[in-house]
Each structure stands twice: as C-alpha cells, then as structure tokens.
C-alpha cells in the first residue's frame, strides 16, 4: 500500500509540474492566447496544458479556491527547491560537500546526518526560510491580488534581468520554468527509486 501511495504522489507531482503558465497583466490572468502565456511552449504545441484544471478552479468559488496567480507562485517555489535539491542529491555522491561537513552517499541519510551533526546550522536554515516566507508571503495571491508578480522577490544577484528587453525577460522566465519542472519530475523519480528500488531505470547512484 505504501509503495502504491508513493507512486501515486510522484505521478501527481509530475502532472502539477506541467501546469500551464500564465502572463500577468494589470493583476489579472490572461488565458485567451497560449502564445502570450509564460510556460506554454513547444512541448504541448504552444497550447495550455492543464489536465487538472487548476487554473480555472478559482472561478468555481473565489472565496475558497486559489487563483492562478497563487498556483504560479507555488509552482515557482517548488521549481527552485527541486533544482537545488536535484543538485544536492548528486553532489554528496561525488564528494562535493561544504567544507567541514562530511556527507554520506544516501540523500535521505545525508539529511538525517546533517540534522544530527549540525542542529544549530539546520535551525539557522529553517529560520532563514521562515524570514523570507514571512516577508514575501503571497496571501493576497489566493484571490488574484498582490503588488508583485508571482515568483518575483527582487533578488537578481547575477544581474540576469539587467538591460534585458521584455521578450528576453520572458525567455528567461520560460527557461526557469522548464528547468524547474524537469527538476520536480527528477526529484519525484529519485524519491520513488529510494523507497521502491528498481522502480526507475537508468538512475545511477543511491537514492
């Protein structure tokens, strides 16, 4: 039963990873033209692919069900977390660690070891996440409001958006979404392989 549940959750994660993109305009979501929506690209023929209907459920009960802007914020957060996690999953297997920290090959045991050996470091990470989440809490996004674009925290240390045209910025956003969606599927595969060995072919190392 547990194995079935893990496989089901991995499948749902993959479906959510491909939820259709959107482009915000004056605080509202434009769902009319697929070619204007960030995230709808050649993989689905340039059309919106939303099998679960997540982008439209807000219209059923606006006071209870989330707006598409909230879904986009959630998707981008999971994209970014998954991209970092996928790097971390492989890094420890090849001896790439933070100086002073000895990792083990198994990513799950790696996390357990880190929490046990560095409890204050782990607490610092959780506290930092809480501060960021508190500052940029997207509560108004649930209703399609908010004074910023979903996923935009004003953090661009490499200056990737500097002196870019709107089209170039949209292309960078699309690249982030595509890589993030791929990373979410990869992490779902790693998780399945860890708890159900042999369920995912061609995955090297220990997961």
N, C-alpha and C. Protein backbone atom coordinates (compact mmCIF):
# COMPACT_ATOMS: atom_id res chain seq x y z
N UNK A 1 0.83 -1.21 0.00
CA UNK A 1 0.00 0.00 0.00
C UNK A 1 0.86 1.26 0.00
N UNK A 2 1.95 1.20 0.78
CA UNK A 2 2.84 2.36 0.87
C UNK A 2 3.50 2.63 -0.48
N UNK A 3 3.92 1.57 -1.17
CA UNK A 3 4.56 1.73 -2.47
C UNK A 3 3.60 2.34 -3.48
N UNK A 4 2.34 1.92 -3.43
CA UNK A 4 1.33 2.47 -4.34
C UNK A 4 1.12 3.95 -4.06
N UNK A 5 1.10 4.31 -2.77
CA UNK A 5 0.91 5.71 -2.39
C UNK A 5 2.05 6.58 -2.88
N UNK A 6 3.29 6.09 -2.74
CA UNK A 6 4.45 6.84 -3.19
C UNK A 6 4.39 7.05 -4.70
N UNK A 7 4.04 6.00 -5.44
CA UNK A 7 3.95 6.11 -6.90
C UNK A 7 2.87 7.10 -7.30
N UNK A 8 1.73 7.08 -6.59
CA UNK A 8 0.63 8.00 -6.89
C UNK A 8 1.04 9.44 -6.65
N UNK A 9 1.73 9.69 -5.53
CA UNK A 9 2.18 11.04 -5.23
C UNK A 9 3.18 11.53 -6.27
N UNK A 10 4.06 10.66 -6.73
CA UNK A 10 5.03 11.03 -7.76
C UNK A 10 4.33 11.39 -9.06
N UNK A 11 3.27 10.63 -9.40
CA UNK A 11 2.51 10.92 -10.62
C UNK A 11 1.81 12.26 -10.53
N UNK A 12 1.21 12.54 -9.38
CA UNK A 12 0.54 13.83 -9.19
C UNK A 12 1.53 14.97 -9.28
N UNK A 13 2.72 14.77 -8.70
CA UNK A 13 3.74 15.82 -8.77
C UNK A 13 4.14 16.11 -10.20
N UNK A 14 4.25 15.06 -11.01
CA UNK A 14 4.61 15.26 -12.42
C UNK A 14 3.52 16.02 -13.15
N UNK A 15 2.25 15.71 -12.88
CA UNK A 15 1.14 16.41 -13.53
C UNK A 15 1.12 17.87 -13.13
N UNK A 16 1.37 18.12 -11.83
CA UNK A 16 1.38 19.51 -11.36
C UNK A 16 2.54 20.29 -11.95
N UNK A 17 3.65 19.58 -12.20
CA UNK A 17 4.83 20.26 -12.74
C UNK A 17 4.57 20.85 -14.11
N UNK A 18 3.60 20.28 -14.84
CA UNK A 18 3.32 20.77 -16.18
C UNK A 18 2.09 21.66 -16.21
N UNK A 19 1.65 22.15 -15.04
CA UNK A 19 0.50 23.04 -15.07
C UNK A 19 0.84 24.23 -15.95
N UNK A 20 -0.13 24.72 -16.67
CA UNK A 20 0.12 25.72 -17.69
C UNK A 20 0.63 27.01 -17.11
N UNK A 21 1.39 27.75 -17.91
CA UNK A 21 1.94 29.02 -17.50
C UNK A 21 0.95 30.14 -17.69
N UNK A 22 1.34 31.31 -17.29
CA UNK A 22 0.46 32.46 -17.45
C UNK A 22 1.29 33.71 -17.50
N UNK A 23 0.72 34.75 -18.03
CA UNK A 23 1.36 36.05 -18.06
C UNK A 23 0.42 37.04 -17.40
N UNK A 24 0.91 37.76 -16.41
CA UNK A 24 0.07 38.67 -15.65
C UNK A 24 -0.06 40.00 -16.36
N UNK A 25 -1.23 40.56 -16.33
CA UNK A 25 -1.50 41.85 -16.94
C UNK A 25 -2.50 42.59 -16.09
N UNK A 26 -2.04 43.69 -15.42
CA UNK A 26 -2.90 44.51 -14.57
C UNK A 26 -3.58 43.68 -13.49
N UNK A 27 -2.82 42.74 -12.91
CA UNK A 27 -3.33 41.98 -11.79
C UNK A 27 -4.28 40.86 -12.18
N UNK A 28 -4.56 40.67 -13.47
CA UNK A 28 -5.46 39.61 -13.90
C UNK A 28 -4.69 38.62 -14.78
N UNK A 29 -5.23 37.43 -14.90
CA UNK A 29 -4.57 36.39 -15.68
C UNK A 29 -5.18 36.33 -17.07
N UNK A 30 -4.32 36.39 -18.07
CA UNK A 30 -4.77 36.32 -19.45
C UNK A 30 -4.69 34.88 -19.92
N UNK A 31 -5.84 34.22 -20.09
CA UNK A 31 -5.86 32.84 -20.51
C UNK A 31 -6.35 32.69 -21.95
N UNK A 32 -6.42 33.78 -22.70
CA UNK A 32 -7.01 33.73 -24.03
C UNK A 32 -6.04 33.24 -25.09
N UNK A 33 -4.81 33.69 -25.02
CA UNK A 33 -3.83 33.36 -26.06
C UNK A 33 -2.68 32.57 -25.44
N UNK A 34 -2.53 31.32 -25.88
CA UNK A 34 -1.49 30.47 -25.32
C UNK A 34 -0.10 31.02 -25.59
N UNK A 35 0.07 31.68 -26.76
CA UNK A 35 1.39 32.19 -27.09
C UNK A 35 1.77 33.41 -26.27
N UNK A 36 0.85 33.93 -25.45
CA UNK A 36 1.17 35.05 -24.57
C UNK A 36 1.45 34.58 -23.15
N UNK A 37 1.33 33.28 -22.90
CA UNK A 37 1.43 32.75 -21.55
C UNK A 37 2.81 32.15 -21.30
N UNK A 38 3.47 32.66 -20.30
CA UNK A 38 4.77 32.11 -19.93
C UNK A 38 4.57 30.68 -19.45
N UNK A 39 5.26 29.74 -20.07
CA UNK A 39 5.16 28.35 -19.65
C UNK A 39 4.52 27.45 -20.68
N UNK A 40 3.73 28.01 -21.60
CA UNK A 40 3.12 27.21 -22.67
C UNK A 40 4.07 27.25 -23.86
N UNK A 41 4.73 26.13 -24.15
CA UNK A 41 5.75 26.12 -25.18
C UNK A 41 5.57 24.93 -26.11
N UNK A 42 6.63 24.57 -26.82
CA UNK A 42 6.54 23.57 -27.88
C UNK A 42 6.17 22.19 -27.37
N UNK A 43 6.42 21.90 -26.08
CA UNK A 43 6.13 20.57 -25.55
C UNK A 43 4.65 20.21 -25.69
N UNK A 44 3.79 21.21 -25.59
CA UNK A 44 2.35 20.99 -25.71
C UNK A 44 1.79 21.70 -26.94
N UNK A 45 2.67 21.89 -27.93
CA UNK A 45 2.23 22.53 -29.16
C UNK A 45 1.90 24.00 -29.00
N UNK A 46 2.51 24.64 -28.01
CA UNK A 46 2.26 26.06 -27.78
C UNK A 46 0.92 26.33 -27.13
N UNK A 47 0.26 25.27 -26.64
CA UNK A 47 -1.06 25.43 -26.03
C UNK A 47 -0.98 25.19 -24.53
N UNK A 48 -2.00 25.64 -23.84
CA UNK A 48 -2.07 25.45 -22.39
C UNK A 48 -2.36 23.99 -22.09
N UNK A 49 -1.58 23.39 -21.21
CA UNK A 49 -1.79 22.00 -20.80
C UNK A 49 -2.07 21.98 -19.31
N UNK A 50 -3.34 21.87 -18.96
CA UNK A 50 -3.77 21.94 -17.57
C UNK A 50 -4.78 20.83 -17.31
N UNK A 51 -4.34 19.55 -17.28
CA UNK A 51 -5.27 18.42 -17.17
C UNK A 51 -6.10 18.42 -15.90
N UNK A 52 -5.59 19.02 -14.83
CA UNK A 52 -6.32 19.04 -13.57
C UNK A 52 -7.21 20.27 -13.44
N UNK A 53 -7.15 21.17 -14.40
CA UNK A 53 -7.98 22.36 -14.36
C UNK A 53 -7.66 23.30 -13.20
N UNK A 54 -6.40 23.33 -12.79
CA UNK A 54 -6.03 24.13 -11.63
C UNK A 54 -6.16 25.63 -11.87
N UNK A 55 -5.99 26.05 -13.12
CA UNK A 55 -6.03 27.49 -13.41
C UNK A 55 -7.43 28.05 -13.43
N UNK A 56 -8.42 27.19 -13.42
CA UNK A 56 -9.80 27.68 -13.54
C UNK A 56 -10.65 27.43 -12.31
N UNK A 57 -10.13 26.70 -11.32
CA UNK A 57 -10.97 26.35 -10.17
C UNK A 57 -11.33 27.56 -9.32
N UNK A 58 -10.56 28.64 -9.43
CA UNK A 58 -10.86 29.84 -8.64
C UNK A 58 -12.24 30.39 -9.00
N UNK A 59 -12.63 30.26 -10.26
CA UNK A 59 -13.92 30.79 -10.69
C UNK A 59 -15.10 30.02 -10.10
N UNK A 60 -14.84 28.79 -9.62
CA UNK A 60 -15.91 27.99 -9.03
C UNK A 60 -16.35 28.58 -7.70
N UNK A 61 -15.37 28.93 -6.87
CA UNK A 61 -15.65 29.54 -5.58
C UNK A 61 -14.48 30.46 -5.22
N UNK A 62 -14.51 31.71 -5.68
CA UNK A 62 -13.37 32.63 -5.48
C UNK A 62 -12.97 32.85 -4.04
N UNK A 63 -13.89 32.67 -3.11
CA UNK A 63 -13.56 32.91 -1.71
C UNK A 63 -12.87 31.75 -1.05
N UNK A 64 -12.84 30.59 -1.71
CA UNK A 64 -12.28 29.38 -1.10
C UNK A 64 -11.13 28.80 -1.92
N UNK A 65 -11.31 28.73 -3.24
CA UNK A 65 -10.33 28.07 -4.09
C UNK A 65 -9.28 29.05 -4.62
N UNK A 66 -8.03 28.60 -4.77
CA UNK A 66 -6.93 29.52 -5.13
C UNK A 66 -6.98 30.03 -6.56
N UNK A 67 -6.50 31.25 -6.71
CA UNK A 67 -6.38 31.90 -8.01
C UNK A 67 -5.14 31.36 -8.73
N UNK A 68 -5.13 31.52 -10.06
CA UNK A 68 -3.99 31.04 -10.85
C UNK A 68 -2.68 31.70 -10.44
N UNK A 69 -2.75 32.93 -9.95
CA UNK A 69 -1.53 33.62 -9.53
C UNK A 69 -0.91 32.91 -8.33
N UNK A 70 -1.74 32.40 -7.45
CA UNK A 70 -1.23 31.65 -6.30
C UNK A 70 -0.59 30.36 -6.76
N UNK A 71 -1.19 29.67 -7.75
CA UNK A 71 -0.62 28.44 -8.28
C UNK A 71 0.75 28.71 -8.91
N UNK A 72 0.86 29.83 -9.63
CA UNK A 72 2.15 30.15 -10.25
C UNK A 72 3.22 30.40 -9.20
N UNK A 73 2.89 31.11 -8.12
CA UNK A 73 3.84 31.33 -7.03
C UNK A 73 4.29 30.00 -6.44
N UNK A 74 3.32 29.11 -6.23
CA UNK A 74 3.62 27.80 -5.67
C UNK A 74 4.49 26.99 -6.61
N UNK A 75 4.18 27.04 -7.91
CA UNK A 75 4.97 26.29 -8.88
C UNK A 75 6.41 26.77 -8.91
N UNK A 76 6.61 28.08 -8.92
CA UNK A 76 7.97 28.62 -8.98
C UNK A 76 8.77 28.26 -7.74
N UNK A 77 8.12 28.27 -6.58
CA UNK A 77 8.82 27.88 -5.35
C UNK A 77 9.27 26.43 -5.44
N UNK A 78 8.37 25.56 -5.88
CA UNK A 78 8.73 24.16 -5.98
C UNK A 78 9.78 23.92 -7.07
N UNK A 79 9.71 24.70 -8.14
CA UNK A 79 10.73 24.60 -9.19
C UNK A 79 12.11 24.90 -8.62
N UNK A 80 12.21 26.00 -7.89
CA UNK A 80 13.51 26.42 -7.36
C UNK A 80 14.03 25.46 -6.30
N UNK A 81 13.13 24.98 -5.44
CA UNK A 81 13.53 24.00 -4.43
C UNK A 81 14.02 22.71 -5.08
N UNK A 82 13.29 22.25 -6.10
CA UNK A 82 13.64 21.00 -6.77
C UNK A 82 14.97 21.11 -7.51
N UNK A 83 15.24 22.28 -8.11
CA UNK A 83 16.51 22.46 -8.80
C UNK A 83 17.67 22.38 -7.82
N UNK A 84 17.52 23.00 -6.66
CA UNK A 84 18.57 22.93 -5.64
C UNK A 84 18.69 21.51 -5.10
N UNK A 85 17.54 20.87 -4.87
CA UNK A 85 17.54 19.52 -4.31
C UNK A 85 18.18 18.51 -5.26
N UNK A 86 17.91 18.66 -6.56
CA UNK A 86 18.47 17.72 -7.53
C UNK A 86 20.00 17.83 -7.59
N UNK A 87 20.50 19.05 -7.41
CA UNK A 87 21.95 19.23 -7.35
C UNK A 87 22.50 18.57 -6.09
N UNK A 88 21.82 18.82 -4.97
CA UNK A 88 22.27 18.24 -3.71
C UNK A 88 22.23 16.73 -3.70
N UNK A 89 21.25 16.15 -4.41
CA UNK A 89 21.11 14.69 -4.43
C UNK A 89 22.32 14.03 -5.08
N UNK A 90 22.90 14.70 -6.06
CA UNK A 90 24.07 14.14 -6.75
C UNK A 90 25.38 14.58 -6.10
N UNK A 91 25.40 15.80 -5.56
CA UNK A 91 26.66 16.36 -5.06
C UNK A 91 27.31 15.48 -4.00
N UNK A 92 26.50 15.00 -3.06
CA UNK A 92 27.07 14.21 -1.96
C UNK A 92 27.63 12.89 -2.45
N UNK A 93 27.11 12.38 -3.58
CA UNK A 93 27.59 11.10 -4.10
C UNK A 93 28.96 11.22 -4.77
N UNK A 94 29.32 12.44 -5.12
CA UNK A 94 30.60 12.66 -5.78
C UNK A 94 31.58 13.45 -4.90
N UNK A 95 31.29 13.45 -3.60
CA UNK A 95 32.22 14.06 -2.66
C UNK A 95 32.21 15.58 -2.65
N UNK A 96 31.20 16.20 -3.25
CA UNK A 96 31.11 17.66 -3.26
C UNK A 96 30.33 18.11 -2.04
N UNK A 97 31.03 18.57 -1.03
CA UNK A 97 30.38 18.94 0.22
C UNK A 97 30.86 20.31 0.70
N UNK A 98 30.12 20.86 1.64
CA UNK A 98 30.52 22.10 2.29
C UNK A 98 31.74 21.82 3.17
N UNK A 99 32.77 22.66 3.13
CA UNK A 99 33.97 22.43 3.95
C UNK A 99 33.61 22.21 5.42
N UNK A 100 34.17 21.16 6.00
CA UNK A 100 33.90 20.85 7.39
C UNK A 100 32.72 19.94 7.59
N UNK A 101 32.02 19.62 6.50
CA UNK A 101 30.84 18.77 6.60
C UNK A 101 31.07 17.49 5.81
N UNK A 102 30.95 16.35 6.44
CA UNK A 102 31.16 15.06 5.78
C UNK A 102 29.80 14.47 5.42
N UNK A 103 29.56 14.27 4.14
CA UNK A 103 28.28 13.75 3.68
C UNK A 103 28.36 12.25 3.44
N UNK A 104 27.21 11.61 3.40
CA UNK A 104 27.10 10.21 3.02
C UNK A 104 26.39 10.14 1.68
N UNK A 105 26.51 9.01 1.00
CA UNK A 105 26.00 8.91 -0.37
C UNK A 105 24.48 8.96 -0.44
N UNK A 106 23.81 8.33 0.52
CA UNK A 106 22.35 8.28 0.51
C UNK A 106 21.79 9.66 0.87
N UNK A 107 21.00 10.30 -0.03
CA UNK A 107 20.50 11.65 0.25
C UNK A 107 19.63 11.75 1.50
N UNK A 108 18.82 10.71 1.77
CA UNK A 108 17.96 10.74 2.96
C UNK A 108 18.81 10.66 4.22
N UNK A 109 19.74 9.71 4.24
CA UNK A 109 20.64 9.60 5.39
C UNK A 109 21.52 10.84 5.49
N UNK A 110 21.83 11.43 4.36
CA UNK A 110 22.63 12.64 4.33
C UNK A 110 21.94 13.76 5.11
N UNK A 111 20.63 13.92 4.86
CA UNK A 111 19.86 14.93 5.58
C UNK A 111 19.79 14.60 7.07
N UNK A 112 19.53 13.33 7.39
CA UNK A 112 19.47 12.94 8.80
C UNK A 112 20.78 13.22 9.51
N UNK A 113 21.88 12.91 8.83
CA UNK A 113 23.21 13.13 9.43
C UNK A 113 23.46 14.61 9.66
N UNK A 114 23.06 15.42 8.68
CA UNK A 114 23.27 16.86 8.81
C UNK A 114 22.50 17.42 10.01
N UNK A 115 21.25 17.00 10.17
CA UNK A 115 20.43 17.49 11.28
C UNK A 115 21.02 17.07 12.62
N UNK A 116 21.53 15.85 12.70
CA UNK A 116 22.09 15.34 13.94
C UNK A 116 23.44 15.99 14.26
N UNK A 117 24.27 16.17 13.24
CA UNK A 117 25.62 16.70 13.46
C UNK A 117 25.64 18.22 13.56
N UNK A 118 24.72 18.87 12.88
CA UNK A 118 24.71 20.33 12.83
C UNK A 118 23.30 20.87 13.15
N UNK A 119 22.80 20.62 14.35
CA UNK A 119 21.42 21.04 14.67
C UNK A 119 21.22 22.55 14.61
N UNK A 120 22.24 23.31 15.03
CA UNK A 120 22.11 24.77 15.00
C UNK A 120 22.19 25.30 13.57
N UNK A 121 22.99 24.65 12.73
CA UNK A 121 23.05 25.04 11.33
C UNK A 121 21.71 24.79 10.64
N UNK A 122 21.11 23.63 10.95
CA UNK A 122 19.80 23.31 10.38
C UNK A 122 18.74 24.30 10.87
N UNK A 123 18.82 24.65 12.14
CA UNK A 123 17.88 25.63 12.69
C UNK A 123 18.04 26.99 12.01
N UNK A 124 19.27 27.36 11.74
CA UNK A 124 19.54 28.63 11.06
C UNK A 124 18.92 28.63 9.66
N UNK A 125 19.02 27.51 8.95
CA UNK A 125 18.43 27.41 7.62
C UNK A 125 16.91 27.55 7.69
N UNK A 126 16.29 26.84 8.62
CA UNK A 126 14.83 26.91 8.77
C UNK A 126 14.40 28.32 9.14
N UNK A 127 15.15 28.97 10.02
CA UNK A 127 14.82 30.33 10.45
C UNK A 127 14.94 31.30 9.27
N UNK A 128 15.97 31.12 8.46
CA UNK A 128 16.14 31.99 7.29
C UNK A 128 15.00 31.82 6.31
N UNK A 129 14.58 30.57 6.10
CA UNK A 129 13.45 30.31 5.22
C UNK A 129 12.18 30.98 5.76
N UNK A 130 11.99 30.89 7.07
CA UNK A 130 10.81 31.49 7.69
C UNK A 130 10.80 33.01 7.50
N UNK A 131 11.96 33.64 7.60
CA UNK A 131 12.04 35.09 7.40
C UNK A 131 11.67 35.48 5.97
N UNK A 132 12.20 34.73 5.01
CA UNK A 132 11.91 35.01 3.61
C UNK A 132 10.44 34.77 3.30
N UNK A 133 9.91 33.66 3.80
CA UNK A 133 8.50 33.35 3.58
C UNK A 133 7.59 34.39 4.22
N UNK A 134 7.99 34.85 5.39
CA UNK A 134 7.18 35.86 6.07
C UNK A 134 7.17 37.19 5.33
N UNK A 135 8.31 37.58 4.79
CA UNK A 135 8.40 38.86 4.09
C UNK A 135 7.63 38.83 2.77
N UNK A 136 7.68 37.69 2.07
CA UNK A 136 7.06 37.60 0.75
C UNK A 136 5.83 36.69 0.74
N UNK A 137 5.18 36.59 1.90
CA UNK A 137 4.00 35.71 1.99
C UNK A 137 2.94 36.12 0.97
N UNK A 138 2.53 35.18 0.09
CA UNK A 138 1.63 35.52 -1.01
C UNK A 138 0.15 35.35 -0.68
N UNK A 139 -0.25 35.78 0.50
CA UNK A 139 -1.64 35.59 0.91
C UNK A 139 -2.65 36.19 -0.06
N UNK A 140 -2.35 37.39 -0.57
CA UNK A 140 -3.28 38.05 -1.49
C UNK A 140 -3.34 37.35 -2.85
N UNK A 141 -2.33 36.55 -3.16
CA UNK A 141 -2.32 35.85 -4.44
C UNK A 141 -3.47 34.85 -4.52
N UNK A 142 -3.91 34.36 -3.38
CA UNK A 142 -5.01 33.39 -3.35
C UNK A 142 -6.25 33.96 -4.02
N UNK A 143 -6.38 35.29 -3.96
CA UNK A 143 -7.53 35.96 -4.54
C UNK A 143 -7.17 36.73 -5.82
N UNK A 144 -5.96 36.46 -6.36
CA UNK A 144 -5.55 37.11 -7.60
C UNK A 144 -5.05 38.52 -7.41
N UNK A 145 -4.73 38.89 -6.16
CA UNK A 145 -4.25 40.23 -5.87
C UNK A 145 -2.75 40.20 -5.60
N UNK A 146 -2.25 41.20 -4.90
CA UNK A 146 -0.82 41.28 -4.62
C UNK A 146 -0.14 42.34 -5.45
N UNK A 147 0.88 42.97 -4.88
CA UNK A 147 1.55 44.09 -5.53
C UNK A 147 2.84 43.69 -6.25
N UNK A 148 3.06 42.41 -6.46
CA UNK A 148 4.23 41.95 -7.19
C UNK A 148 3.84 40.79 -8.09
N UNK A 149 4.71 40.49 -9.05
CA UNK A 149 4.47 39.35 -9.92
C UNK A 149 4.84 38.07 -9.19
N UNK A 150 4.12 37.02 -9.45
CA UNK A 150 4.40 35.73 -8.80
C UNK A 150 5.85 35.32 -9.03
N UNK A 151 6.53 34.95 -7.94
CA UNK A 151 7.91 34.50 -8.03
C UNK A 151 8.94 35.59 -8.02
N UNK A 152 8.52 36.85 -8.07
CA UNK A 152 9.46 37.97 -8.14
C UNK A 152 9.75 38.49 -6.74
N UNK A 153 10.94 38.18 -6.22
CA UNK A 153 11.36 38.65 -4.90
C UNK A 153 12.35 39.80 -4.99
N UNK A 154 12.59 40.28 -6.20
CA UNK A 154 13.54 41.36 -6.38
C UNK A 154 14.97 40.92 -6.13
N UNK A 155 15.23 39.61 -6.27
CA UNK A 155 16.56 39.06 -5.99
C UNK A 155 17.19 38.59 -7.30
N UNK A 156 18.16 39.33 -7.78
CA UNK A 156 18.84 39.02 -9.03
C UNK A 156 20.32 39.32 -8.88
N UNK A 157 21.04 38.52 -8.06
CA UNK A 157 22.44 38.82 -7.76
C UNK A 157 23.37 38.78 -8.98
N UNK A 158 23.00 38.02 -10.01
CA UNK A 158 23.84 37.93 -11.21
C UNK A 158 23.46 38.94 -12.27
N UNK A 159 22.43 39.73 -11.99
CA UNK A 159 22.00 40.75 -12.94
C UNK A 159 21.50 40.19 -14.26
N UNK A 160 20.83 39.03 -14.21
CA UNK A 160 20.37 38.40 -15.44
C UNK A 160 19.26 39.21 -16.13
N UNK A 161 18.51 39.98 -15.36
CA UNK A 161 17.41 40.76 -15.93
C UNK A 161 17.83 42.19 -16.29
N UNK A 162 19.05 42.51 -15.96
CA UNK A 162 19.51 43.88 -16.18
C UNK A 162 19.67 44.15 -17.68
N UNK A 163 19.13 45.28 -18.11
CA UNK A 163 19.22 45.74 -19.50
C UNK A 163 18.65 44.73 -20.50
N UNK A 164 17.66 43.96 -20.07
CA UNK A 164 17.00 42.99 -20.94
C UNK A 164 15.67 43.55 -21.45
N UNK A 165 15.33 43.20 -22.67
CA UNK A 165 14.04 43.59 -23.23
C UNK A 165 12.94 42.72 -22.61
N UNK A 166 11.67 43.13 -22.69
CA UNK A 166 10.58 42.28 -22.16
C UNK A 166 10.59 40.88 -22.75
N UNK A 167 10.89 40.75 -24.04
CA UNK A 167 10.92 39.43 -24.68
C UNK A 167 12.05 38.57 -24.10
N UNK A 168 13.19 39.18 -23.84
CA UNK A 168 14.32 38.45 -23.26
C UNK A 168 14.01 38.01 -21.83
N UNK A 169 13.33 38.87 -21.09
CA UNK A 169 12.94 38.51 -19.72
C UNK A 169 11.95 37.35 -19.73
N UNK A 170 10.99 37.39 -20.66
CA UNK A 170 10.03 36.29 -20.75
C UNK A 170 10.74 34.99 -21.10
N UNK A 171 11.76 35.06 -21.93
CA UNK A 171 12.51 33.86 -22.30
C UNK A 171 13.26 33.29 -21.09
N UNK A 172 13.81 34.17 -20.26
CA UNK A 172 14.48 33.71 -19.04
C UNK A 172 13.49 33.07 -18.08
N UNK A 173 12.30 33.65 -17.98
CA UNK A 173 11.27 33.07 -17.11
C UNK A 173 10.87 31.68 -17.62
N UNK A 174 10.74 31.54 -18.93
CA UNK A 174 10.39 30.25 -19.51
C UNK A 174 11.48 29.22 -19.25
N UNK A 175 12.74 29.64 -19.35
CA UNK A 175 13.84 28.73 -19.08
C UNK A 175 13.81 28.24 -17.64
N UNK A 176 13.53 29.16 -16.72
CA UNK A 176 13.45 28.77 -15.31
C UNK A 176 12.33 27.76 -15.10
N UNK A 177 11.17 28.01 -15.70
CA UNK A 177 10.04 27.09 -15.54
C UNK A 177 10.35 25.71 -16.10
N UNK A 178 10.94 25.67 -17.29
CA UNK A 178 11.23 24.39 -17.91
C UNK A 178 12.24 23.59 -17.09
N UNK A 179 13.30 24.25 -16.67
CA UNK A 179 14.30 23.56 -15.84
C UNK A 179 13.72 23.16 -14.50
N UNK A 180 12.89 24.00 -13.93
CA UNK A 180 12.26 23.69 -12.65
C UNK A 180 11.29 22.53 -12.75
N UNK A 181 10.50 22.50 -13.81
CA UNK A 181 9.56 21.39 -14.00
C UNK A 181 10.31 20.08 -14.20
N UNK A 182 11.40 20.12 -14.95
CA UNK A 182 12.22 18.93 -15.13
C UNK A 182 12.80 18.47 -13.80
N UNK A 183 13.25 19.42 -12.99
CA UNK A 183 13.82 19.08 -11.68
C UNK A 183 12.77 18.48 -10.76
N UNK A 184 11.52 18.96 -10.82
CA UNK A 184 10.47 18.38 -9.98
C UNK A 184 10.20 16.94 -10.38
N UNK A 185 10.18 16.66 -11.67
CA UNK A 185 9.99 15.27 -12.11
C UNK A 185 11.18 14.41 -11.71
N UNK A 186 12.38 14.99 -11.79
CA UNK A 186 13.58 14.24 -11.39
C UNK A 186 13.53 13.89 -9.92
N UNK A 187 13.13 14.84 -9.07
CA UNK A 187 13.06 14.57 -7.64
C UNK A 187 11.97 13.55 -7.32
N UNK A 188 10.86 13.59 -8.09
CA UNK A 188 9.83 12.58 -7.90
C UNK A 188 10.38 11.19 -8.24
N UNK A 189 11.20 11.13 -9.30
CA UNK A 189 11.83 9.86 -9.69
C UNK A 189 12.82 9.40 -8.64
N UNK A 190 13.64 10.32 -8.12
CA UNK A 190 14.61 9.95 -7.09
C UNK A 190 13.90 9.41 -5.85
N UNK A 191 12.81 10.07 -5.48
CA UNK A 191 12.06 9.65 -4.29
C UNK A 191 11.47 8.25 -4.48
N UNK A 192 10.89 8.02 -5.67
CA UNK A 192 10.33 6.70 -5.96
C UNK A 192 11.42 5.63 -5.93
N UNK A 193 12.58 5.95 -6.52
CA UNK A 193 13.67 4.98 -6.56
C UNK A 193 14.20 4.69 -5.16
N UNK A 194 14.18 5.69 -4.30
CA UNK A 194 14.68 5.48 -2.93
C UNK A 194 13.78 4.52 -2.16
N UNK A 195 12.47 4.75 -2.24
CA UNK A 195 11.54 3.95 -1.45
C UNK A 195 11.11 2.68 -2.18
N UNK A 196 11.22 2.67 -3.51
CA UNK A 196 10.88 1.48 -4.29
C UNK A 196 12.07 1.18 -5.22
N UNK A 197 13.12 0.55 -4.71
CA UNK A 197 14.32 0.29 -5.52
C UNK A 197 14.01 -0.44 -6.82
N UNK A 198 14.56 0.07 -7.90
CA UNK A 198 14.34 -0.55 -9.20
C UNK A 198 13.14 -0.04 -9.94
N UNK A 199 12.39 0.88 -9.32
CA UNK A 199 11.17 1.40 -9.97
C UNK A 199 11.47 2.38 -11.08
N UNK A 200 12.66 3.01 -11.04
CA UNK A 200 13.03 3.98 -12.07
C UNK A 200 14.34 3.52 -12.71
N UNK A 201 14.30 3.17 -14.00
CA UNK A 201 15.53 2.70 -14.65
C UNK A 201 16.51 3.81 -14.95
N UNK A 202 17.76 3.44 -15.15
CA UNK A 202 18.83 4.35 -15.60
C UNK A 202 19.22 5.42 -14.59
N UNK A 203 18.84 5.27 -13.32
CA UNK A 203 19.26 6.24 -12.31
C UNK A 203 20.51 5.70 -11.61
N UNK A 204 21.64 6.41 -11.74
CA UNK A 204 22.87 5.95 -11.11
C UNK A 204 22.90 6.30 -9.63
N UNK A 205 23.78 5.66 -8.90
CA UNK A 205 23.99 6.02 -7.51
C UNK A 205 22.93 5.47 -6.58
N UNK A 206 22.90 5.99 -5.38
CA UNK A 206 21.96 5.54 -4.36
C UNK A 206 20.94 6.64 -4.08
N UNK A 207 19.70 6.29 -4.24
CA UNK A 207 18.62 7.23 -3.94
C UNK A 207 17.59 6.56 -3.04
